[in-house]
N, C-alpha and C. Protein backbone atom coordinates (compact mmCIF):
# COMPACT_ATOMS: atom_id res chain seq x y z
N MET A 1 80.37 78.49 131.41
CA MET A 1 79.88 78.94 132.72
C MET A 1 78.56 79.69 132.54
N PRO A 2 77.53 79.40 133.34
CA PRO A 2 76.25 80.10 133.21
C PRO A 2 76.41 81.59 133.46
N ILE A 3 75.59 82.39 132.79
CA ILE A 3 75.59 83.82 133.04
C ILE A 3 75.08 84.08 134.46
N ASP A 4 75.72 84.99 135.15
CA ASP A 4 75.27 85.36 136.48
C ASP A 4 74.13 86.36 136.36
N VAL A 5 72.91 85.94 136.67
CA VAL A 5 71.77 86.84 136.62
C VAL A 5 71.36 87.30 138.00
N MET A 6 72.18 87.00 139.01
CA MET A 6 71.81 87.34 140.37
C MET A 6 72.18 88.78 140.71
N ILE A 7 71.64 89.71 139.96
CA ILE A 7 71.82 91.12 140.27
C ILE A 7 70.91 91.47 141.43
N PRO A 8 71.41 92.21 142.44
CA PRO A 8 70.63 92.40 143.67
C PRO A 8 69.23 92.96 143.49
N ASP A 9 69.03 93.83 142.51
CA ASP A 9 67.71 94.45 142.40
C ASP A 9 66.78 93.68 141.46
N PHE A 10 67.20 92.52 140.95
CA PHE A 10 66.29 91.69 140.17
C PHE A 10 65.27 91.05 141.11
N LYS A 11 64.06 90.98 140.64
CA LYS A 11 62.99 90.35 141.40
C LYS A 11 62.52 89.13 140.61
N PHE A 12 62.80 87.94 141.11
CA PHE A 12 62.39 86.71 140.45
C PHE A 12 61.14 86.15 141.12
N LEU A 13 60.19 85.72 140.30
CA LEU A 13 58.97 85.14 140.82
C LEU A 13 59.24 83.80 141.50
N GLY A 14 58.49 83.49 142.54
CA GLY A 14 58.49 82.16 143.11
C GLY A 14 57.58 81.25 142.33
N ALA A 15 57.72 79.94 142.57
CA ALA A 15 56.95 78.96 141.81
C ALA A 15 55.45 79.12 142.01
N ALA A 16 55.02 79.33 143.24
CA ALA A 16 53.58 79.47 143.49
C ALA A 16 53.02 80.72 142.84
N ASP A 17 53.76 81.83 142.92
CA ASP A 17 53.31 83.07 142.28
C ASP A 17 53.22 82.90 140.77
N PHE A 18 54.25 82.30 140.18
CA PHE A 18 54.24 82.12 138.73
C PHE A 18 53.09 81.21 138.29
N ALA A 19 52.90 80.11 139.01
CA ALA A 19 51.80 79.19 138.67
C ALA A 19 50.45 79.88 138.75
N GLY A 20 50.31 80.78 139.71
CA GLY A 20 49.04 81.47 139.87
C GLY A 20 48.78 82.56 138.84
N MET A 21 49.80 82.93 138.09
CA MET A 21 49.67 84.01 137.11
C MET A 21 49.42 83.52 135.69
N ILE A 22 49.56 82.21 135.46
CA ILE A 22 49.39 81.72 134.09
C ILE A 22 48.30 80.65 134.03
N ASP A 23 47.58 80.66 132.93
CA ASP A 23 46.62 79.61 132.60
C ASP A 23 47.25 78.83 131.45
N PRO A 24 47.63 77.56 131.66
CA PRO A 24 48.33 76.82 130.60
C PRO A 24 47.62 76.84 129.26
N ALA A 25 46.31 76.81 129.26
CA ALA A 25 45.57 76.80 128.00
C ALA A 25 45.69 78.10 127.23
N ARG A 26 46.13 79.16 127.91
CA ARG A 26 46.24 80.48 127.28
C ARG A 26 47.68 80.99 127.25
N THR A 27 48.62 80.08 127.46
CA THR A 27 50.02 80.48 127.59
C THR A 27 50.88 79.77 126.55
N ALA A 28 51.85 80.49 126.00
CA ALA A 28 52.79 79.93 125.03
C ALA A 28 54.22 80.06 125.54
N LEU A 29 55.01 79.04 125.28
CA LEU A 29 56.45 79.11 125.51
C LEU A 29 57.13 79.50 124.21
N PHE A 30 57.82 80.63 124.20
CA PHE A 30 58.57 81.09 123.03
C PHE A 30 59.99 80.55 123.11
N VAL A 31 60.47 79.99 122.02
CA VAL A 31 61.86 79.56 121.90
C VAL A 31 62.45 80.31 120.71
N ILE A 32 63.24 81.32 120.99
CA ILE A 32 63.64 82.29 119.98
C ILE A 32 65.06 82.03 119.48
N ASP A 33 65.18 81.73 118.20
CA ASP A 33 66.44 81.74 117.45
C ASP A 33 67.52 80.80 117.99
N ILE A 34 67.11 79.62 118.46
CA ILE A 34 68.12 78.64 118.85
C ILE A 34 68.55 77.91 117.58
N GLN A 35 69.49 78.54 116.88
CA GLN A 35 69.95 78.11 115.56
C GLN A 35 71.47 77.98 115.56
N ARG A 36 71.96 77.20 114.62
CA ARG A 36 73.40 76.95 114.58
C ARG A 36 74.21 78.23 114.46
N ASP A 37 73.80 79.15 113.59
CA ASP A 37 74.60 80.36 113.40
C ASP A 37 74.65 81.24 114.64
N PHE A 38 73.63 81.18 115.47
CA PHE A 38 73.62 81.99 116.69
C PHE A 38 74.19 81.28 117.91
N ALA A 39 73.99 79.97 117.99
CA ALA A 39 74.22 79.29 119.27
C ALA A 39 75.22 78.15 119.23
N ALA A 40 75.54 77.62 118.07
CA ALA A 40 76.41 76.44 118.00
C ALA A 40 77.88 76.84 118.01
N PRO A 41 78.75 75.98 118.52
CA PRO A 41 80.18 76.30 118.56
C PRO A 41 80.83 76.37 117.19
N ASP A 42 80.15 75.88 116.15
CA ASP A 42 80.69 75.96 114.79
C ASP A 42 79.88 76.92 113.91
N GLY A 43 79.01 77.72 114.52
CA GLY A 43 78.16 78.62 113.76
C GLY A 43 78.81 79.95 113.46
N PHE A 44 78.06 80.82 112.79
CA PHE A 44 78.58 82.12 112.36
C PHE A 44 79.10 82.93 113.54
N SER A 45 78.32 83.01 114.60
CA SER A 45 78.73 83.85 115.74
C SER A 45 80.05 83.37 116.32
N ALA A 46 80.20 82.07 116.44
CA ALA A 46 81.46 81.53 116.96
C ALA A 46 82.62 81.83 116.02
N ARG A 47 82.37 81.71 114.72
CA ARG A 47 83.45 81.92 113.74
C ARG A 47 83.94 83.36 113.71
N VAL A 48 83.08 84.31 114.06
CA VAL A 48 83.52 85.71 114.06
C VAL A 48 84.01 86.14 115.44
N GLY A 49 84.17 85.18 116.36
CA GLY A 49 84.82 85.48 117.62
C GLY A 49 83.92 85.79 118.79
N SER A 50 82.62 85.56 118.68
CA SER A 50 81.72 85.81 119.80
C SER A 50 82.00 84.83 120.93
N ASP A 51 81.77 85.28 122.16
CA ASP A 51 81.91 84.41 123.32
C ASP A 51 80.68 83.51 123.39
N MET A 52 80.88 82.22 123.19
CA MET A 52 79.77 81.28 123.13
C MET A 52 79.56 80.53 124.45
N SER A 53 80.30 80.90 125.48
CA SER A 53 80.28 80.12 126.72
C SER A 53 78.93 80.16 127.43
N THR A 54 78.15 81.17 127.16
CA THR A 54 76.85 81.29 127.84
C THR A 54 75.72 80.57 127.12
N MET A 55 75.95 80.16 125.88
CA MET A 55 74.86 79.60 125.08
C MET A 55 74.42 78.23 125.57
N GLU A 56 75.37 77.33 125.79
CA GLU A 56 75.00 75.97 126.15
C GLU A 56 74.21 75.89 127.46
N PRO A 57 74.59 76.61 128.53
CA PRO A 57 73.78 76.56 129.75
C PRO A 57 72.35 77.06 129.53
N ALA A 58 72.18 78.10 128.70
CA ALA A 58 70.84 78.59 128.42
C ALA A 58 70.02 77.55 127.66
N ILE A 59 70.67 76.87 126.70
CA ILE A 59 69.95 75.85 125.94
C ILE A 59 69.66 74.64 126.83
N ASP A 60 70.56 74.33 127.75
CA ASP A 60 70.27 73.28 128.74
C ASP A 60 68.95 73.58 129.45
N ALA A 61 68.79 74.84 129.87
CA ALA A 61 67.57 75.24 130.58
C ALA A 61 66.35 75.13 129.67
N ILE A 62 66.49 75.53 128.41
CA ILE A 62 65.38 75.43 127.46
C ILE A 62 64.99 73.97 127.25
N GLU A 63 66.00 73.10 127.14
CA GLU A 63 65.70 71.67 126.95
C GLU A 63 64.94 71.09 128.13
N ARG A 64 65.15 71.61 129.33
CA ARG A 64 64.39 71.15 130.49
C ARG A 64 62.99 71.76 130.51
N LEU A 65 62.88 72.99 130.03
CA LEU A 65 61.59 73.69 130.05
C LEU A 65 60.60 73.11 129.05
N ILE A 66 61.08 72.73 127.88
CA ILE A 66 60.17 72.30 126.81
C ILE A 66 59.28 71.14 127.23
N PRO A 67 59.82 70.04 127.76
CA PRO A 67 58.91 68.95 128.15
C PRO A 67 57.99 69.33 129.30
N ALA A 68 58.45 70.17 130.21
CA ALA A 68 57.56 70.62 131.29
C ALA A 68 56.41 71.44 130.74
N ALA A 69 56.71 72.29 129.76
CA ALA A 69 55.66 73.09 129.13
C ALA A 69 54.66 72.20 128.38
N ARG A 70 55.16 71.19 127.70
CA ARG A 70 54.26 70.28 126.98
C ARG A 70 53.34 69.55 127.96
N ARG A 71 53.90 69.06 129.06
CA ARG A 71 53.08 68.32 130.03
C ARG A 71 52.00 69.21 130.63
N ALA A 72 52.32 70.49 130.82
CA ALA A 72 51.36 71.42 131.41
C ALA A 72 50.32 71.91 130.42
N GLY A 73 50.54 71.68 129.13
CA GLY A 73 49.56 72.08 128.12
C GLY A 73 49.81 73.42 127.47
N LEU A 74 51.02 73.97 127.60
CA LEU A 74 51.34 75.22 126.93
C LEU A 74 51.49 75.01 125.43
N LYS A 75 51.23 76.04 124.66
CA LYS A 75 51.53 76.04 123.23
C LYS A 75 53.01 76.34 123.07
N LEU A 76 53.69 75.57 122.21
CA LEU A 76 55.10 75.78 121.94
C LEU A 76 55.26 76.58 120.65
N VAL A 77 56.10 77.61 120.69
CA VAL A 77 56.31 78.48 119.54
C VAL A 77 57.82 78.61 119.30
N PHE A 78 58.26 78.20 118.12
CA PHE A 78 59.67 78.24 117.75
C PHE A 78 59.88 79.29 116.67
N MET A 79 60.82 80.20 116.90
CA MET A 79 61.15 81.22 115.92
C MET A 79 62.52 80.95 115.33
N ARG A 80 62.66 81.25 114.04
CA ARG A 80 63.97 81.18 113.38
C ARG A 80 64.13 82.36 112.44
N VAL A 81 65.33 82.89 112.40
CA VAL A 81 65.71 83.83 111.36
C VAL A 81 66.07 83.03 110.11
N ILE A 82 65.44 83.37 109.00
CA ILE A 82 65.78 82.75 107.71
C ILE A 82 66.03 83.90 106.72
N THR A 83 67.26 84.05 106.27
CA THR A 83 67.61 85.19 105.43
C THR A 83 67.83 84.76 103.98
N ARG A 84 67.52 85.70 103.09
CA ARG A 84 67.73 85.51 101.65
C ARG A 84 68.14 86.87 101.07
N ASP A 85 68.86 86.83 99.95
CA ASP A 85 69.28 88.09 99.32
C ASP A 85 68.09 89.00 99.07
N GLU A 86 67.00 88.42 98.58
CA GLU A 86 65.86 89.25 98.16
C GLU A 86 65.04 89.78 99.32
N THR A 87 65.25 89.27 100.53
CA THR A 87 64.45 89.76 101.66
C THR A 87 65.31 90.44 102.74
N ASP A 88 66.60 90.58 102.53
CA ASP A 88 67.43 91.29 103.50
C ASP A 88 66.91 92.72 103.65
N PRO A 89 66.56 93.15 104.86
CA PRO A 89 66.07 94.53 105.03
C PRO A 89 67.13 95.55 104.62
N ALA A 90 66.72 96.51 103.82
CA ALA A 90 67.66 97.52 103.34
C ALA A 90 68.30 98.29 104.50
N VAL A 91 67.52 98.53 105.54
CA VAL A 91 68.05 99.30 106.67
C VAL A 91 69.17 98.52 107.36
N LEU A 92 69.06 97.20 107.43
CA LEU A 92 70.12 96.39 108.03
C LEU A 92 71.36 96.39 107.16
N LEU A 93 71.17 96.29 105.84
CA LEU A 93 72.31 96.32 104.94
C LEU A 93 73.05 97.65 105.03
N ARG A 94 72.30 98.76 105.14
CA ARG A 94 72.95 100.06 105.28
C ARG A 94 73.74 100.14 106.58
N LEU A 95 73.14 99.62 107.66
CA LEU A 95 73.83 99.65 108.95
C LEU A 95 75.12 98.85 108.88
N MET A 96 75.07 97.66 108.27
CA MET A 96 76.27 96.85 108.15
C MET A 96 77.33 97.55 107.30
N GLU A 97 76.90 98.17 106.20
CA GLU A 97 77.84 98.88 105.33
C GLU A 97 78.50 100.03 106.07
N ARG A 98 77.73 100.76 106.85
CA ARG A 98 78.29 101.89 107.60
C ARG A 98 79.22 101.44 108.71
N ARG A 99 79.09 100.18 109.10
CA ARG A 99 80.01 99.60 110.09
C ARG A 99 81.20 98.92 109.43
N GLY A 100 81.29 99.02 108.10
CA GLY A 100 82.39 98.41 107.39
C GLY A 100 82.19 96.96 107.07
N ARG A 101 80.94 96.51 107.08
CA ARG A 101 80.62 95.11 106.79
C ARG A 101 79.66 95.04 105.60
N ALA A 102 80.09 95.57 104.48
CA ALA A 102 79.25 95.61 103.28
C ALA A 102 78.79 94.21 102.91
N GLY A 103 77.53 94.11 102.49
CA GLY A 103 76.97 92.83 102.12
C GLY A 103 76.17 92.18 103.22
N GLY A 104 76.18 92.79 104.40
CA GLY A 104 75.38 92.26 105.49
C GLY A 104 76.08 91.12 106.21
N ALA A 105 75.39 90.56 107.18
CA ALA A 105 75.98 89.52 108.01
C ALA A 105 76.02 88.17 107.30
N ALA A 106 75.09 87.94 106.37
CA ALA A 106 75.03 86.68 105.62
C ALA A 106 75.00 85.47 106.54
N LEU A 107 74.16 85.52 107.53
CA LEU A 107 74.00 84.38 108.44
C LEU A 107 72.57 83.88 108.38
N CYS A 108 72.38 82.65 108.83
CA CYS A 108 71.06 81.99 108.80
C CYS A 108 70.47 82.01 107.39
N ARG A 109 71.33 81.79 106.39
CA ARG A 109 70.86 81.78 105.02
C ARG A 109 69.98 80.55 104.77
N ALA A 110 68.88 80.76 104.05
CA ALA A 110 67.98 79.67 103.72
C ALA A 110 68.74 78.53 103.05
N GLY A 111 68.48 77.31 103.52
CA GLY A 111 69.10 76.14 102.92
C GLY A 111 70.49 75.82 103.40
N THR A 112 71.03 76.62 104.33
CA THR A 112 72.36 76.35 104.86
C THR A 112 72.24 75.78 106.27
N PRO A 113 73.27 75.04 106.74
CA PRO A 113 73.22 74.50 108.10
C PRO A 113 73.07 75.56 109.17
N GLY A 114 73.56 76.77 108.91
CA GLY A 114 73.49 77.83 109.90
C GLY A 114 72.08 78.22 110.28
N ALA A 115 71.12 77.99 109.39
CA ALA A 115 69.73 78.34 109.67
C ALA A 115 69.00 77.26 110.45
N ASP A 116 69.62 76.09 110.59
CA ASP A 116 68.96 74.96 111.25
C ASP A 116 68.80 75.19 112.75
N TYR A 117 67.80 74.55 113.34
CA TYR A 117 67.69 74.52 114.79
C TYR A 117 68.94 73.85 115.37
N TYR A 118 69.29 74.26 116.59
CA TYR A 118 70.44 73.67 117.28
C TYR A 118 69.98 73.08 118.61
N ARG A 119 70.09 71.78 118.73
CA ARG A 119 69.79 71.01 119.94
C ARG A 119 68.30 70.88 120.26
N ILE A 120 67.48 71.71 119.70
CA ILE A 120 66.04 71.64 119.95
C ILE A 120 65.32 71.57 118.61
N SER A 121 64.08 71.13 118.62
CA SER A 121 63.30 71.11 117.38
C SER A 121 61.82 71.05 117.72
N PRO A 122 60.98 71.64 116.88
CA PRO A 122 59.53 71.60 117.12
C PRO A 122 58.94 70.23 116.83
N GLU A 123 57.73 70.03 117.32
CA GLU A 123 56.96 68.82 117.06
C GLU A 123 55.68 69.19 116.33
N PRO A 124 55.01 68.21 115.71
CA PRO A 124 53.73 68.52 115.06
C PRO A 124 52.77 69.20 116.03
N GLY A 125 52.12 70.24 115.56
CA GLY A 125 51.20 71.00 116.39
C GLY A 125 51.81 72.25 117.00
N ASP A 126 53.14 72.33 117.02
CA ASP A 126 53.80 73.55 117.48
C ASP A 126 53.69 74.63 116.41
N ILE A 127 53.80 75.86 116.83
CA ILE A 127 53.85 76.98 115.89
C ILE A 127 55.30 77.23 115.51
N GLU A 128 55.56 77.38 114.21
CA GLU A 128 56.89 77.75 113.73
C GLU A 128 56.80 79.08 112.99
N ILE A 129 57.72 79.95 113.29
CA ILE A 129 57.74 81.27 112.69
C ILE A 129 59.09 81.50 112.02
N GLU A 130 59.08 81.84 110.73
CA GLU A 130 60.28 82.31 110.04
C GLU A 130 60.23 83.83 109.98
N LYS A 131 61.35 84.47 110.27
CA LYS A 131 61.35 85.93 110.34
C LYS A 131 62.64 86.48 109.75
N ILE A 132 62.58 87.77 109.42
CA ILE A 132 63.78 88.46 108.92
C ILE A 132 64.11 89.66 109.79
N ARG A 133 63.30 89.91 110.79
CA ARG A 133 63.53 91.04 111.71
C ARG A 133 63.85 90.51 113.10
N PHE A 134 64.36 91.40 113.97
CA PHE A 134 64.61 91.01 115.35
C PHE A 134 63.30 90.67 116.05
N ASP A 135 62.29 91.46 115.80
CA ASP A 135 60.96 91.30 116.40
C ASP A 135 60.21 90.18 115.68
N SER A 136 59.85 89.13 116.41
CA SER A 136 59.20 87.98 115.79
C SER A 136 57.79 88.27 115.30
N PHE A 137 57.21 89.42 115.67
CA PHE A 137 55.86 89.76 115.25
C PHE A 137 55.84 90.49 113.90
N ILE A 138 56.94 91.15 113.54
CA ILE A 138 56.94 91.99 112.35
C ILE A 138 56.99 91.13 111.09
N GLU A 139 56.02 91.36 110.19
CA GLU A 139 55.95 90.69 108.89
C GLU A 139 55.84 89.18 109.03
N THR A 140 55.19 88.72 110.12
CA THR A 140 54.93 87.29 110.30
C THR A 140 53.47 87.09 110.70
N THR A 141 53.07 85.84 110.80
CA THR A 141 51.71 85.51 111.22
C THR A 141 51.63 85.20 112.71
N LEU A 142 52.66 85.54 113.47
CA LEU A 142 52.71 85.14 114.88
C LEU A 142 51.50 85.63 115.67
N ASP A 143 51.18 86.89 115.58
CA ASP A 143 50.07 87.43 116.36
C ASP A 143 48.76 86.73 115.98
N ALA A 144 48.52 86.56 114.70
CA ALA A 144 47.28 85.91 114.26
C ALA A 144 47.20 84.47 114.76
N GLN A 145 48.31 83.74 114.73
CA GLN A 145 48.28 82.36 115.19
C GLN A 145 48.08 82.27 116.70
N LEU A 146 48.68 83.18 117.44
CA LEU A 146 48.47 83.19 118.89
C LEU A 146 47.02 83.51 119.23
N ARG A 147 46.46 84.51 118.56
CA ARG A 147 45.05 84.87 118.82
C ARG A 147 44.14 83.70 118.49
N ALA A 148 44.41 83.03 117.39
CA ALA A 148 43.57 81.90 116.99
C ALA A 148 43.64 80.76 118.00
N ALA A 149 44.78 80.64 118.68
CA ALA A 149 44.95 79.59 119.68
C ALA A 149 44.49 80.02 121.07
N GLY A 150 43.99 81.25 121.19
CA GLY A 150 43.51 81.74 122.47
C GLY A 150 44.60 82.11 123.45
N ILE A 151 45.79 82.43 122.94
CA ILE A 151 46.94 82.74 123.79
C ILE A 151 46.93 84.22 124.16
N ASP A 152 47.10 84.51 125.45
CA ASP A 152 47.25 85.89 125.89
C ASP A 152 48.46 86.09 126.81
N THR A 153 49.25 85.04 127.02
CA THR A 153 50.40 85.09 127.92
C THR A 153 51.56 84.37 127.26
N ILE A 154 52.78 84.94 127.38
CA ILE A 154 53.94 84.29 126.78
C ILE A 154 55.06 84.18 127.80
N VAL A 155 55.77 83.07 127.69
CA VAL A 155 56.95 82.80 128.51
C VAL A 155 58.12 82.71 127.54
N VAL A 156 59.10 83.61 127.70
CA VAL A 156 60.10 83.82 126.66
C VAL A 156 61.44 83.19 127.04
N THR A 157 62.03 82.47 126.07
CA THR A 157 63.39 81.96 126.16
C THR A 157 64.09 82.24 124.84
N GLY A 158 65.42 82.12 124.81
CA GLY A 158 66.12 82.19 123.54
C GLY A 158 67.29 83.14 123.53
N VAL A 159 67.72 83.47 122.32
CA VAL A 159 68.87 84.35 122.10
C VAL A 159 68.53 85.36 121.01
N SER A 160 69.23 86.49 121.05
CA SER A 160 70.01 86.92 122.18
C SER A 160 69.15 87.82 123.06
N THR A 161 69.49 87.82 124.33
CA THR A 161 68.68 88.55 125.30
C THR A 161 68.52 90.01 124.92
N ASP A 162 69.59 90.62 124.43
CA ASP A 162 69.59 92.05 124.14
C ASP A 162 69.04 92.40 122.78
N CYS A 163 68.75 91.39 121.95
CA CYS A 163 68.30 91.68 120.58
C CYS A 163 66.91 91.09 120.33
N CYS A 164 66.85 89.85 119.85
CA CYS A 164 65.55 89.30 119.45
C CYS A 164 64.66 88.96 120.63
N VAL A 165 65.24 88.54 121.76
CA VAL A 165 64.43 88.33 122.96
C VAL A 165 63.83 89.65 123.43
N ASP A 166 64.66 90.67 123.49
CA ASP A 166 64.20 91.98 123.92
C ASP A 166 63.13 92.53 122.97
N SER A 167 63.43 92.52 121.67
CA SER A 167 62.50 93.09 120.69
C SER A 167 61.16 92.37 120.69
N THR A 168 61.19 91.05 120.74
CA THR A 168 59.96 90.28 120.71
C THR A 168 59.15 90.45 121.99
N SER A 169 59.82 90.49 123.14
CA SER A 169 59.12 90.68 124.41
C SER A 169 58.42 92.03 124.45
N ARG A 170 59.11 93.07 124.02
CA ARG A 170 58.50 94.40 124.02
C ARG A 170 57.32 94.45 123.06
N SER A 171 57.48 93.85 121.90
CA SER A 171 56.40 93.85 120.91
C SER A 171 55.19 93.10 121.42
N ALA A 172 55.41 91.99 122.11
CA ALA A 172 54.31 91.23 122.69
C ALA A 172 53.55 92.07 123.71
N PHE A 173 54.29 92.73 124.58
CA PHE A 173 53.66 93.57 125.60
C PHE A 173 52.82 94.67 124.96
N GLN A 174 53.34 95.28 123.91
CA GLN A 174 52.62 96.35 123.22
C GLN A 174 51.36 95.83 122.54
N ARG A 175 51.30 94.53 122.31
CA ARG A 175 50.11 93.90 121.73
C ARG A 175 49.21 93.28 122.81
N ASP A 176 49.46 93.63 124.06
CA ASP A 176 48.61 93.24 125.19
C ASP A 176 48.77 91.80 125.64
N TYR A 177 49.93 91.20 125.37
CA TYR A 177 50.24 89.90 125.95
C TYR A 177 50.95 90.11 127.30
N ASP A 178 50.63 89.28 128.28
CA ASP A 178 51.40 89.25 129.51
C ASP A 178 52.72 88.53 129.22
N VAL A 179 53.82 89.10 129.69
CA VAL A 179 55.15 88.61 129.31
C VAL A 179 55.94 88.18 130.54
N PHE A 180 56.48 86.96 130.47
CA PHE A 180 57.42 86.45 131.46
C PHE A 180 58.69 86.05 130.72
N VAL A 181 59.84 86.38 131.29
CA VAL A 181 61.12 86.02 130.68
C VAL A 181 61.86 85.08 131.62
N VAL A 182 62.28 83.93 131.09
CA VAL A 182 63.04 82.97 131.88
C VAL A 182 64.51 83.37 131.78
N ALA A 183 65.01 83.99 132.84
CA ALA A 183 66.28 84.70 132.78
C ALA A 183 67.45 83.82 132.39
N ASP A 184 67.55 82.62 132.96
CA ASP A 184 68.70 81.77 132.69
C ASP A 184 68.46 80.85 131.49
N ALA A 185 67.33 80.99 130.81
CA ALA A 185 67.07 80.29 129.56
C ALA A 185 67.19 81.25 128.38
N CYS A 186 67.88 82.37 128.62
CA CYS A 186 68.23 83.33 127.58
C CYS A 186 69.75 83.56 127.67
N ALA A 187 70.33 84.05 126.59
CA ALA A 187 71.76 84.31 126.59
C ALA A 187 72.09 85.43 125.61
N ALA A 188 73.22 86.08 125.89
CA ALA A 188 73.73 87.13 125.01
C ALA A 188 75.24 86.97 124.90
N GLY A 189 75.85 87.83 124.11
CA GLY A 189 77.29 87.71 123.87
C GLY A 189 78.15 88.01 125.07
N THR A 190 77.63 88.82 126.00
CA THR A 190 78.38 89.15 127.21
C THR A 190 77.40 89.21 128.38
N PRO A 191 77.87 88.98 129.61
CA PRO A 191 77.01 89.15 130.78
C PRO A 191 76.45 90.57 130.89
N HIS A 192 77.24 91.56 130.47
CA HIS A 192 76.77 92.95 130.53
C HIS A 192 75.53 93.14 129.66
N LEU A 193 75.57 92.64 128.44
CA LEU A 193 74.42 92.78 127.55
C LEU A 193 73.23 91.99 128.06
N HIS A 194 73.47 90.78 128.52
CA HIS A 194 72.40 89.93 129.05
C HIS A 194 71.72 90.59 130.24
N ASN A 195 72.51 90.98 131.22
CA ASN A 195 71.94 91.55 132.44
C ASN A 195 71.29 92.90 132.19
N GLY A 196 71.90 93.70 131.30
CA GLY A 196 71.30 94.99 130.97
C GLY A 196 69.94 94.83 130.32
N ALA A 197 69.84 93.85 129.40
CA ALA A 197 68.55 93.61 128.75
C ALA A 197 67.51 93.11 129.73
N LEU A 198 67.90 92.19 130.61
CA LEU A 198 66.95 91.70 131.62
C LEU A 198 66.48 92.83 132.52
N SER A 199 67.40 93.70 132.90
CA SER A 199 67.04 94.81 133.77
C SER A 199 66.01 95.72 133.11
N ALA A 200 66.23 96.02 131.83
CA ALA A 200 65.30 96.89 131.10
C ALA A 200 63.96 96.21 130.89
N LEU A 201 63.98 94.92 130.56
CA LEU A 201 62.72 94.20 130.37
C LEU A 201 61.93 94.13 131.68
N GLU A 202 62.61 93.84 132.77
CA GLU A 202 61.92 93.77 134.05
C GLU A 202 61.32 95.12 134.43
N LYS A 203 62.02 96.17 134.14
CA LYS A 203 61.53 97.51 134.48
C LYS A 203 60.29 97.88 133.67
N ASN A 204 60.25 97.45 132.42
CA ASN A 204 59.26 98.02 131.50
C ASN A 204 58.14 97.08 131.05
N VAL A 205 58.43 95.79 130.81
CA VAL A 205 57.41 94.98 130.13
C VAL A 205 57.22 93.58 130.67
N ALA A 206 58.09 93.07 131.53
CA ALA A 206 58.06 91.64 131.84
C ALA A 206 58.32 91.37 133.31
N LEU A 207 57.92 90.18 133.74
CA LEU A 207 58.33 89.63 135.02
C LEU A 207 59.36 88.54 134.76
N LEU A 208 60.32 88.41 135.67
CA LEU A 208 61.41 87.45 135.49
C LEU A 208 61.20 86.22 136.36
N VAL A 209 61.61 85.09 135.82
CA VAL A 209 61.53 83.83 136.55
C VAL A 209 62.76 83.02 136.17
N LYS A 210 63.24 82.17 137.06
CA LYS A 210 64.34 81.27 136.76
C LYS A 210 63.78 79.95 136.23
N SER A 211 64.60 79.23 135.49
CA SER A 211 64.11 78.02 134.83
C SER A 211 63.65 76.96 135.84
N ASP A 212 64.41 76.73 136.91
CA ASP A 212 64.00 75.72 137.88
C ASP A 212 62.65 76.07 138.51
N THR A 213 62.46 77.36 138.77
CA THR A 213 61.19 77.82 139.33
C THR A 213 60.05 77.61 138.34
N ALA A 214 60.29 77.98 137.09
CA ALA A 214 59.28 77.82 136.06
C ALA A 214 58.90 76.35 135.89
N ILE A 215 59.89 75.49 135.89
CA ILE A 215 59.62 74.05 135.73
C ILE A 215 58.81 73.53 136.90
N ALA A 216 59.15 73.93 138.12
CA ALA A 216 58.38 73.51 139.28
C ALA A 216 56.94 73.96 139.17
N ALA A 217 56.74 75.21 138.73
CA ALA A 217 55.39 75.72 138.57
C ALA A 217 54.63 74.96 137.49
N LEU A 218 55.27 74.70 136.37
CA LEU A 218 54.62 73.97 135.29
C LEU A 218 54.28 72.55 135.70
N ASN A 219 55.16 71.92 136.46
CA ASN A 219 54.88 70.57 136.95
C ASN A 219 53.66 70.56 137.86
N SER A 220 53.54 71.60 138.67
CA SER A 220 52.36 71.67 139.56
C SER A 220 51.08 71.86 138.76
N LEU A 221 51.16 72.62 137.67
CA LEU A 221 49.99 72.85 136.83
C LEU A 221 49.62 71.63 136.00
N ALA A 222 50.63 70.79 135.72
CA ALA A 222 50.37 69.60 134.95
C ALA A 222 49.63 68.54 135.76
N GLY A 223 49.62 68.71 137.08
CA GLY A 223 48.93 67.76 137.94
C GLY A 223 49.72 66.47 138.10
């Protein structure tokens, strides 16, 4: 069942407003962490008991957004968590140990199926980012690649809304990118976490849009 994002005080952009706020040549679609361990029914999150019912509808929306973004001329940017023993952040390992999970989460390990893309994949010319932090900008070349491509606006999708989507959106805003979040093309473990993250992002750093609205706007920009 799709996550209910229809909270009364949410303000969603209309198609004409959204189209008027973005220049396709300067805009990137972010697809954050759509990987087997996070989103697939046989991945790590599912195996440890996470509610996966919200993931497939969000990925459905992303699958519809990607071709619309390509037709309109947006830059596509795919992020993945790729973990290794030698690069696991010490602070994360300490947090896991203090929570009784010594050894860390051990998910999205390099070379394992859990690190693979799930249902989506980049094409030649897209930007791909491997990361070890929630924030896709930290210790990566993301900012440099966006600047080189003339990007100053981002449209965010992915998982999870309360973690990597939130961290990356805030980091982008702090680096002077205009940020839009496609509310139903993101997902979290619970509706509470998803809606809470959207509420905070809308209040502080981003404008919200629904996937059907975004697609309509992108189609209009594609001519």
